[in-house]
């Protein structure tokens, strides 16, 4: 199963962090570099590796490659399905 790489941004909404835009990157390194660059002007973001079955769309795994700035406290649990 091929991996996809995404940068998930977070925005402040009345003192709460909420998911913002998602940006797809072509490589793991590209996702990390993009996340680092975005960190300068967003409250927080995370670079993710997502592995899913192309045919069924079934999610196999999600891994946090890096976090920059503020992310919700339970973000790692949400990503791992906990």
Protein backbone atom coordinates (compact mmCIF):
# COMPACT_ATOMS: atom_id res chain seq x y z
CA UNK A 1 0.00 0.00 0.00
CA UNK A 2 1.45 3.35 -1.00
CA UNK A 3 1.83 6.15 1.53
CA UNK A 4 0.49 9.68 1.25
CA UNK A 5 2.07 12.64 3.02
CA UNK A 6 -0.04 15.45 4.44
CA UNK A 7 0.52 18.60 6.46
CA UNK A 8 -2.44 19.26 8.79
CA UNK A 9 -2.59 22.86 10.02
CA UNK A 10 -4.29 24.08 13.19
CA UNK A 11 -5.91 27.46 13.74
CA UNK A 12 -6.95 29.26 16.90
CA UNK A 13 -10.70 29.75 17.26
CA UNK A 14 -11.67 31.48 20.52
CA UNK A 15 -8.63 30.05 22.33
CA UNK A 16 -9.27 26.53 20.96
CA UNK A 17 -7.14 24.82 18.35
CA UNK A 18 -9.15 23.47 15.46
CA UNK A 19 -8.05 21.73 12.26
CA UNK A 20 -7.31 24.06 9.39
CA UNK A 21 -6.27 23.25 5.85
CA UNK A 22 -4.58 20.04 4.76
CA UNK A 23 -1.77 20.23 2.27
CA UNK A 24 -0.59 17.14 0.36
CA UNK A 25 3.16 16.71 -0.17
CA UNK A 26 4.84 14.35 -2.64
CA UNK A 27 7.37 12.91 -0.16
CA UNK A 28 7.97 12.47 3.57
CA UNK A 29 10.82 14.98 3.44
CA UNK A 30 8.61 17.39 1.49
CA UNK A 31 5.90 17.16 4.15
CA UNK A 32 8.40 17.88 6.94
CA UNK A 33 9.92 20.85 5.07
CA UNK A 34 6.47 22.27 4.27
CA UNK A 35 5.37 21.85 7.90
CA UNK A 36 8.50 23.66 9.12
CA UNK A 37 7.91 26.51 6.67
CA UNK A 38 4.24 26.88 7.63
CA UNK A 39 5.16 26.90 11.34
CA UNK A 40 6.28 30.51 11.00
CA UNK A 41 2.76 31.80 10.37
CA UNK A 42 0.34 29.16 11.72
CA UNK A 43 -0.27 28.40 15.42
CA UNK A 44 0.64 24.77 14.77
CA UNK A 45 0.74 21.91 12.31
CA UNK A 46 1.74 18.29 11.92
CA UNK A 47 3.29 16.32 9.08
CA UNK A 48 1.61 12.93 8.64
CA UNK A 49 2.23 9.69 6.74
CA UNK A 50 -1.04 8.02 5.79
CA UNK A 51 -1.19 4.48 4.43
CA UNK A 52 -4.49 3.36 2.94
CA UNK A 53 -5.71 0.76 0.46
CA UNK A 54 -6.17 2.48 -2.92
CA UNK A 55 -9.06 0.25 -3.92
CA UNK A 56 -11.15 0.20 -0.75
CA UNK A 57 -9.95 3.43 0.85
CA UNK A 58 -9.50 1.50 4.10
CA UNK A 59 -7.03 3.20 6.41
CA UNK A 60 -4.07 1.01 7.36
CA UNK A 61 -2.00 3.42 9.46
CA UNK A 62 -1.30 7.05 10.26
CA UNK A 63 2.01 8.23 11.70
CA UNK A 64 2.99 11.68 12.92
CA UNK A 65 6.30 12.55 11.24
CA UNK A 66 6.70 15.86 13.07
CA UNK A 67 4.76 18.49 15.01
CA UNK A 68 5.47 22.20 14.95
CA UNK A 69 3.96 24.83 17.21
CA UNK A 70 0.75 24.05 19.07
CA UNK A 71 -1.39 21.02 18.28
CA UNK A 72 -4.37 19.75 20.28
CA UNK A 73 -3.33 17.73 23.35
CA UNK A 74 -5.22 14.67 22.18
CA UNK A 75 -4.04 14.87 18.56
CA UNK A 76 -1.70 11.85 18.82
CA UNK A 77 -4.51 9.78 20.33
CA UNK A 78 -6.92 10.84 17.59
CA UNK A 79 -4.41 9.94 14.88
CA UNK A 80 -3.66 6.51 16.34
CA UNK A 81 -7.37 5.79 16.78
CA UNK A 82 -7.19 5.89 20.60
